[in-house]
């Protein structure tokens, strides 16, 4: 096998790897993670493509005199979703 044969083989391997990566990304986009904070007061779900899918805030989590607490819970649940998706992607799409 000459250099042309080796190059063709490498190109096929690269194409196969690219196709598998795209397939994995599509599968991740269909996968969802869910996080809950504040003892169940705020729940969110996010796709493996980092798209926020759902956000639920229980009415008792909303205190007009302490809006900052609710904001903190929303930030915490989104950050937890982001952490879970990043972990999932690192497992499925190793560098």
C-alpha atoms as a PDB file:
ATOM      1  CA  UNK A   1       0.000   0.000   0.000  1.00  0.00           C
ATOM      2  CA  UNK A   2       1.504   3.311  -1.051  1.00  0.00           C
ATOM      3  CA  UNK A   3       1.033   6.775   0.359  1.00  0.00           C
ATOM      4  CA  UNK A   4      -2.185   7.208  -1.640  1.00  0.00           C
ATOM      5  CA  UNK A   5      -3.665   4.070  -0.084  1.00  0.00           C
ATOM      6  CA  UNK A   6      -2.710   5.171   3.413  1.00  0.00           C
ATOM      7  CA  UNK A   7      -4.158   8.622   2.802  1.00  0.00           C
ATOM      8  CA  UNK A   8      -7.415   7.159   1.497  1.00  0.00           C
ATOM      9  CA  UNK A   9      -7.631   4.909   4.556  1.00  0.00           C
ATOM     10  CA  UNK A  10      -7.043   7.863   6.895  1.00  0.00           C
ATOM     11  CA  UNK A  11      -9.702   9.893   5.082  1.00  0.00           C
ATOM     12  CA  UNK A  12     -12.221   7.047   5.469  1.00  0.00           C
ATOM     13  CA  UNK A  13     -11.437   6.793   9.174  1.00  0.00           C
ATOM     14  CA  UNK A  14     -11.827  10.559   9.612  1.00  0.00           C
ATOM     15  CA  UNK A  15     -15.160  10.542   7.766  1.00  0.00           C
ATOM     16  CA  UNK A  16     -16.428   7.648   9.895  1.00  0.00           C
ATOM     17  CA  UNK A  17     -15.355   9.434  13.073  1.00  0.00           C
ATOM     18  CA  UNK A  18     -17.074  12.648  11.953  1.00  0.00           C
ATOM     19  CA  UNK A  19     -20.276  10.758  11.130  1.00  0.00           C
ATOM     20  CA  UNK A  20     -20.256   9.048  14.541  1.00  0.00           C
ATOM     21  CA  UNK A  21     -19.684  12.390  16.282  1.00  0.00           C
ATOM     22  CA  UNK A  22     -22.627  13.983  14.457  1.00  0.00           C
ATOM     23  CA  UNK A  23     -24.821  10.996  15.328  1.00  0.00           C
ATOM     24  CA  UNK A  24     -23.797  11.264  18.991  1.00  0.00           C
ATOM     25  CA  UNK A  25     -24.555  15.014  19.012  1.00  0.00           C
ATOM     26  CA  UNK A  26     -28.006  14.310  17.564  1.00  0.00           C
ATOM     27  CA  UNK A  27     -28.609  11.675  20.257  1.00  0.00           C
ATOM     28  CA  UNK A  28     -27.500  14.127  22.937  1.00  0.00           C
ATOM     29  CA  UNK A  29     -29.943  16.728  21.623  1.00  0.00           C
ATOM     30  CA  UNK A  30     -32.719  14.171  22.219  1.00  0.00           C
ATOM     31  CA  UNK A  31     -31.496  13.408  25.755  1.00  0.00           C
ATOM     32  CA  UNK A  32     -32.639  15.448  28.740  1.00  0.00           C
ATOM     33  CA  UNK A  33     -31.325  15.933  32.249  1.00  0.00           C
ATOM     34  CA  UNK A  34     -33.365  17.203  35.176  1.00  0.00           C
ATOM     35  CA  UNK A  35     -32.338  19.057  38.300  1.00  0.00           C
ATOM     36  CA  UNK A  36     -34.223  20.066  41.426  1.00  0.00           C
ATOM     37  CA  UNK A  37     -33.148  22.568  44.076  1.00  0.00           C
ATOM     38  CA  UNK A  38     -34.594  24.095  47.209  1.00  0.00           C
ATOM     39  CA  UNK A  39     -36.136  20.843  48.396  1.00  0.00           C
ATOM     40  CA  UNK A  40     -38.182  20.539  45.214  1.00  0.00           C
ATOM     41  CA  UNK A  41     -39.158  24.201  45.015  1.00  0.00           C
ATOM     42  CA  UNK A  42     -37.585  24.691  41.575  1.00  0.00           C
ATOM     43  CA  UNK A  43     -37.134  22.035  38.897  1.00  0.00           C
ATOM     44  CA  UNK A  44     -35.688  22.365  35.406  1.00  0.00           C
ATOM     45  CA  UNK A  45     -34.810  20.124  32.507  1.00  0.00           C
ATOM     46  CA  UNK A  46     -32.272  20.720  29.771  1.00  0.00           C
ATOM     47  CA  UNK A  47     -31.412  18.912  26.567  1.00  0.00           C
ATOM     48  CA  UNK A  48     -27.976  17.530  25.845  1.00  0.00           C
ATOM     49  CA  UNK A  49     -27.648  20.449  23.419  1.00  0.00           C
ATOM     50  CA  UNK A  50     -27.840  22.942  26.319  1.00  0.00           C
ATOM     51  CA  UNK A  51     -31.421  23.985  25.534  1.00  0.00           C
ATOM     52  CA  UNK A  52     -33.565  24.728  28.593  1.00  0.00           C
ATOM     53  CA  UNK A  53     -36.673  22.599  28.073  1.00  0.00           C
ATOM     54  CA  UNK A  54     -38.707  23.146  31.185  1.00  0.00           C
ATOM     55  CA  UNK A  55     -38.727  25.235  34.357  1.00  0.00           C
ATOM     56  CA  UNK A  56     -41.165  24.780  37.254  1.00  0.00           C
ATOM     57  CA  UNK A  57     -41.336  27.051  40.277  1.00  0.00           C
ATOM     58  CA  UNK A  58     -43.671  26.079  43.102  1.00  0.00           C
ATOM     59  CA  UNK A  59     -45.856  28.994  44.206  1.00  0.00           C
ATOM     60  CA  UNK A  60     -44.522  28.780  47.762  1.00  0.00           C
ATOM     61  CA  UNK A  61     -41.019  29.479  46.397  1.00  0.00           C
ATOM     62  CA  UNK A  62     -42.177  32.932  45.334  1.00  0.00           C
ATOM     63  CA  UNK A  63     -42.035  35.412  48.189  1.00  0.00           C
ATOM     64  CA  UNK A  64     -42.711  38.979  47.034  1.00  0.00           C
ATOM     65  CA  UNK A  65     -40.611  40.195  49.962  1.00  0.00           C
ATOM     66  CA  UNK A  66     -37.652  37.985  49.005  1.00  0.00           C
ATOM     67  CA  UNK A  67     -37.451  37.815  45.225  1.00  0.00           C
ATOM     68  CA  UNK A  68     -33.689  37.281  45.461  1.00  0.00           C
ATOM     69  CA  UNK A  69     -34.228  33.842  47.020  1.00  0.00           C
ATOM     70  CA  UNK A  70     -36.336  32.740  44.037  1.00  0.00           C
ATOM     71  CA  UNK A  71     -33.780  34.173  41.623  1.00  0.00           C
ATOM     72  CA  UNK A  72     -31.009  32.272  43.426  1.00  0.00           C
ATOM     73  CA  UNK A  73     -32.988  29.024  43.176  1.00  0.00           C
ATOM     74  CA  UNK A  74     -33.530  29.528  39.426  1.00  0.00           C
ATOM     75  CA  UNK A  75     -29.830  30.235  38.908  1.00  0.00           C
ATOM     76  CA  UNK A  76     -28.899  27.173  40.976  1.00  0.00           C
ATOM     77  CA  UNK A  77     -31.192  24.808  39.063  1.00  0.00           C
ATOM     78  CA  UNK A  78     -29.972  26.053  35.678  1.00  0.00           C
ATOM     79  CA  UNK A  79     -26.345  25.751  36.758  1.00  0.00           C
ATOM     80  CA  UNK A  80     -26.989  22.188  37.947  1.00  0.00           C
ATOM     81  CA  UNK A  81     -28.546  21.321  34.580  1.00  0.00           C
ATOM     82  CA  UNK A  82     -25.537  22.830  32.804  1.00  0.00           C
ATOM     83  CA  UNK A  83     -23.174  20.786  34.997  1.00  0.00           C
ATOM     84  CA  UNK A  84     -25.070  17.567  34.254  1.00  0.00           C
ATOM     85  CA  UNK A  85     -25.172  18.197  30.498  1.00  0.00           C
ATOM     86  CA  UNK A  86     -21.452  19.022  30.447  1.00  0.00           C
ATOM     87  CA  UNK A  87     -20.704  15.790  32.312  1.00  0.00           C
ATOM     88  CA  UNK A  88     -22.916  13.809  29.921  1.00  0.00           C
ATOM     89  CA  UNK A  89     -21.287  15.364  26.859  1.00  0.00           C
ATOM     90  CA  UNK A  90     -17.819  14.697  28.240  1.00  0.00           C
ATOM     91  CA  UNK A  91     -18.745  11.026  28.614  1.00  0.00           C
ATOM     92  CA  UNK A  92     -20.275  10.738  25.131  1.00  0.00           C
ATOM     93  CA  UNK A  93     -17.906  13.031  23.214  1.00  0.00           C
ATOM     94  CA  UNK A  94     -14.411  12.494  24.611  1.00  0.00           C
ATOM     95  CA  UNK A  95     -11.748  14.708  23.124  1.00  0.00           C
END
